[in-house]
């Protein structure tokens, strides 16, 4: 009986690691701890400034303004899809602020798929880490929504607008 319990506990621990332990850096190179956002839902979006979905920055900012008391949005610039985010950290920050007035959190540029996938996206896309589901990031502006305790709630493809009912229903 003790062996069965030990196996079950090990399985549970392996199946949902804590996203709050992942080390991240913002666009300024400063360390960011996701546990700063405990108690809020978190929408994580891989972004690019030269993509057909780039105008979603505007709706992400509107979503952040409307629900910022209970939602944190985290943009993750990525250059893996047809090199649509070639800029430096300063260029990305300037672009986002100048064109879309972005005030939500932006992380340093990262790989969201493949062998060099960063730790955050490993967690988001691998069921053995997030405990919920496997997912594949197929393009820029793929969105992942976490609940107030860091549990993966849902993911949304690039064509799902940030202000769509599909997303907003989780915030009301």
Protein backbone atom coordinates (compact mmCIF):
# COMPACT_ATOMS: atom_id res chain seq x y z
CA UNK A 1 0.00 0.00 0.00
CA UNK A 2 2.79 2.44 0.88
CA UNK A 3 4.43 1.76 -2.49
CA UNK A 4 1.22 2.56 -4.37
CA UNK A 5 0.81 5.83 -2.45
CA UNK A 6 4.44 6.76 -3.09
CA UNK A 7 4.03 6.08 -6.83
CA UNK A 8 0.83 8.15 -6.96
CA UNK A 9 2.44 11.08 -5.13
CA UNK A 10 5.50 10.95 -7.39
CA UNK A 11 3.24 10.87 -10.44
CA UNK A 12 1.27 13.89 -9.23
CA UNK A 13 4.47 15.83 -8.49
CA UNK A 14 5.91 15.03 -11.92
CA UNK A 15 2.69 15.85 -13.73
CA UNK A 16 2.31 19.43 -12.62
CA UNK A 17 5.42 21.33 -11.75
CA UNK A 18 5.03 24.84 -10.41
CA UNK A 19 5.16 27.53 -13.08
CA UNK A 20 6.05 30.04 -10.37
CA UNK A 21 9.54 28.47 -10.10
CA UNK A 22 10.51 29.36 -13.67
CA UNK A 23 13.09 32.13 -13.92
CA UNK A 24 12.31 34.84 -16.47
CA UNK A 25 13.70 38.18 -17.59
CA UNK A 26 11.80 41.18 -18.87
CA UNK A 27 12.82 43.24 -21.90
CA UNK A 28 15.11 45.33 -19.67
CA UNK A 29 17.00 42.19 -18.65
CA UNK A 30 15.64 42.33 -15.11
CA UNK A 31 14.58 39.12 -13.39
CA UNK A 32 10.84 38.55 -13.21
CA UNK A 33 9.11 36.19 -10.81
CA UNK A 34 5.70 34.94 -11.95
CA UNK A 35 4.69 34.53 -8.31
CA UNK A 36 4.34 38.34 -8.30
CA UNK A 37 1.11 37.66 -10.19
CA UNK A 38 -0.36 35.00 -7.88
CA UNK A 39 -4.02 35.80 -7.38
CA UNK A 40 -4.40 37.05 -10.97
CA UNK A 41 -5.04 35.19 -14.16
CA UNK A 42 -2.09 35.35 -16.57
CA UNK A 43 -2.36 35.50 -20.35
CA UNK A 44 0.94 34.58 -22.02
CA UNK A 45 1.32 35.48 -25.70
CA UNK A 46 4.23 34.96 -28.08
CA UNK A 47 4.52 38.19 -30.05
CA UNK A 48 6.17 39.61 -33.16
CA UNK A 49 6.23 43.12 -34.63
CA UNK A 50 6.22 42.14 -38.31
CA UNK A 51 3.33 39.68 -38.37
CA UNK A 52 -0.19 39.84 -39.75
CA UNK A 53 -1.43 39.38 -36.17
CA UNK A 54 0.70 42.24 -34.78
CA UNK A 55 -2.36 44.55 -34.50
CA UNK A 56 -3.51 42.22 -31.68
CA UNK A 57 -1.15 44.25 -29.46
CA UNK A 58 -3.87 46.93 -29.47
CA UNK A 59 -6.54 44.52 -28.22
CA UNK A 60 -4.15 42.94 -25.72
CA UNK A 61 -3.60 46.42 -24.28
CA UNK A 62 -7.38 47.06 -24.17
CA UNK A 63 -7.87 43.73 -22.40
CA UNK A 64 -5.14 44.65 -19.92
CA UNK A 65 -6.70 48.04 -19.20
CA UNK A 66 -10.16 46.56 -18.72
CA UNK A 67 -9.19 43.54 -16.60
CA UNK A 68 -5.78 44.56 -15.20
CA UNK A 69 -7.01 44.26 -11.62
CA UNK A 70 -7.45 40.50 -12.13
CA UNK A 71 -5.32 39.79 -15.21
CA UNK A 72 -1.65 40.06 -16.08
CA UNK A 73 -0.63 39.87 -19.72
CA UNK A 74 2.86 38.73 -20.57
CA UNK A 75 4.21 39.19 -24.09
CA UNK A 76 7.06 36.96 -25.22
CA UNK A 77 8.76 38.24 -28.38
CA UNK A 78 9.73 35.39 -30.67
CA UNK A 79 11.65 35.36 -33.95
CA UNK A 80 11.00 31.70 -34.85
CA UNK A 81 8.17 32.23 -37.32
CA UNK A 82 9.57 33.65 -40.58
CA UNK A 83 11.86 35.92 -38.53
CA UNK A 84 9.00 38.32 -37.81
CA UNK A 85 10.61 39.66 -34.61
CA UNK A 86 14.15 40.64 -35.64
CA UNK A 87 14.47 43.60 -33.26
CA UNK A 88 16.61 44.10 -30.20
CA UNK A 89 15.00 44.43 -26.77
CA UNK A 90 15.10 48.25 -27.06
CA UNK A 91 13.61 48.17 -30.56
CA UNK A 92 10.81 45.84 -29.45
CA UNK A 93 9.99 47.99 -26.41
CA UNK A 94 9.97 51.17 -28.50
CA UNK A 95 7.80 49.57 -31.20
CA UNK A 96 5.25 48.29 -28.68
CA UNK A 97 5.03 51.57 -26.79
CA UNK A 98 5.01 53.87 -29.82
CA UNK A 99 2.54 51.92 -31.96
CA UNK A 100 0.26 50.29 -29.38
CA UNK A 101 0.87 51.98 -26.02
CA UNK A 102 1.77 48.63 -24.45
CA UNK A 103 2.03 48.79 -20.66
CA UNK A 104 1.72 45.07 -19.89
CA UNK A 105 4.77 42.94 -19.12
CA UNK A 106 7.09 42.07 -22.00
CA UNK A 107 9.75 39.41 -21.57
CA UNK A 108 13.04 39.07 -23.36
CA UNK A 109 12.97 37.42 -26.79
CA UNK A 110 12.64 33.65 -26.51
CA UNK A 111 12.17 30.46 -28.49
CA UNK A 112 8.72 28.99 -28.00
CA UNK A 113 9.30 25.67 -29.80
CA UNK A 114 12.07 23.29 -30.78
CA UNK A 115 15.29 22.18 -29.10
CA UNK A 116 16.01 25.64 -27.69
CA UNK A 117 12.47 26.20 -26.34
CA UNK A 118 12.62 28.28 -23.17
CA UNK A 119 11.47 26.88 -19.79
CA UNK A 120 8.21 28.85 -19.74
CA UNK A 121 7.10 27.41 -23.07
CA UNK A 122 8.22 23.92 -22.12
CA UNK A 123 5.84 24.19 -19.16
CA UNK A 124 3.02 25.65 -21.26
CA UNK A 125 3.24 22.99 -23.98
CA UNK A 126 4.05 19.77 -22.10
CA UNK A 127 1.37 17.94 -20.15
CA UNK A 128 3.94 16.23 -17.94
CA UNK A 129 4.91 19.70 -16.67
CA UNK A 130 1.62 21.63 -16.68
CA UNK A 131 -0.56 18.66 -15.67
CA UNK A 132 -3.32 19.60 -18.13
CA UNK A 133 -2.47 19.16 -21.81
CA UNK A 134 0.09 19.10 -24.57
CA UNK A 135 -0.03 22.07 -26.91
CA UNK A 136 1.83 23.23 -29.99
CA UNK A 137 2.65 26.85 -30.77
CA UNK A 138 2.09 27.06 -34.51
CA UNK A 139 2.46 30.80 -35.05
CA UNK A 140 2.86 34.21 -33.42
CA UNK A 141 0.19 35.43 -31.01
CA UNK A 142 -0.70 31.99 -29.66
CA UNK A 143 -2.20 32.59 -26.21
CA UNK A 144 -2.09 30.56 -22.98
CA UNK A 145 -4.33 31.44 -20.03
CA UNK A 146 -3.47 30.48 -16.46
CA UNK A 147 -5.75 30.72 -13.46
CA UNK A 148 -5.01 32.66 -10.26
CA UNK A 149 -2.96 29.75 -8.91
CA UNK A 150 -0.82 29.18 -12.00
CA UNK A 151 -2.82 26.28 -13.44
CA UNK A 152 -3.22 26.14 -17.22
CA UNK A 153 -6.86 26.89 -18.11
CA UNK A 154 -6.81 27.05 -21.91
CA UNK A 155 -4.83 27.96 -24.98
CA UNK A 156 -5.98 29.88 -28.02
CA UNK A 157 -4.61 29.96 -31.54
CA UNK A 158 -3.31 33.08 -33.24
CA UNK A 159 -6.60 33.91 -34.93
CA UNK A 160 -8.46 34.17 -31.60
CA UNK A 161 -8.70 37.87 -30.83
CA UNK A 162 -7.74 38.84 -27.25
CA UNK A 163 -11.13 40.56 -26.79
CA UNK A 164 -13.13 37.56 -28.03
CA UNK A 165 -15.76 35.93 -25.85
CA UNK A 166 -13.60 32.78 -25.96
CA UNK A 167 -11.07 34.55 -23.73
CA UNK A 168 -13.17 37.18 -21.95
CA UNK A 169 -15.54 34.54 -20.49
CA UNK A 170 -12.69 33.45 -18.21
CA UNK A 171 -12.24 37.00 -16.89
CA UNK A 172 -15.81 37.92 -15.93
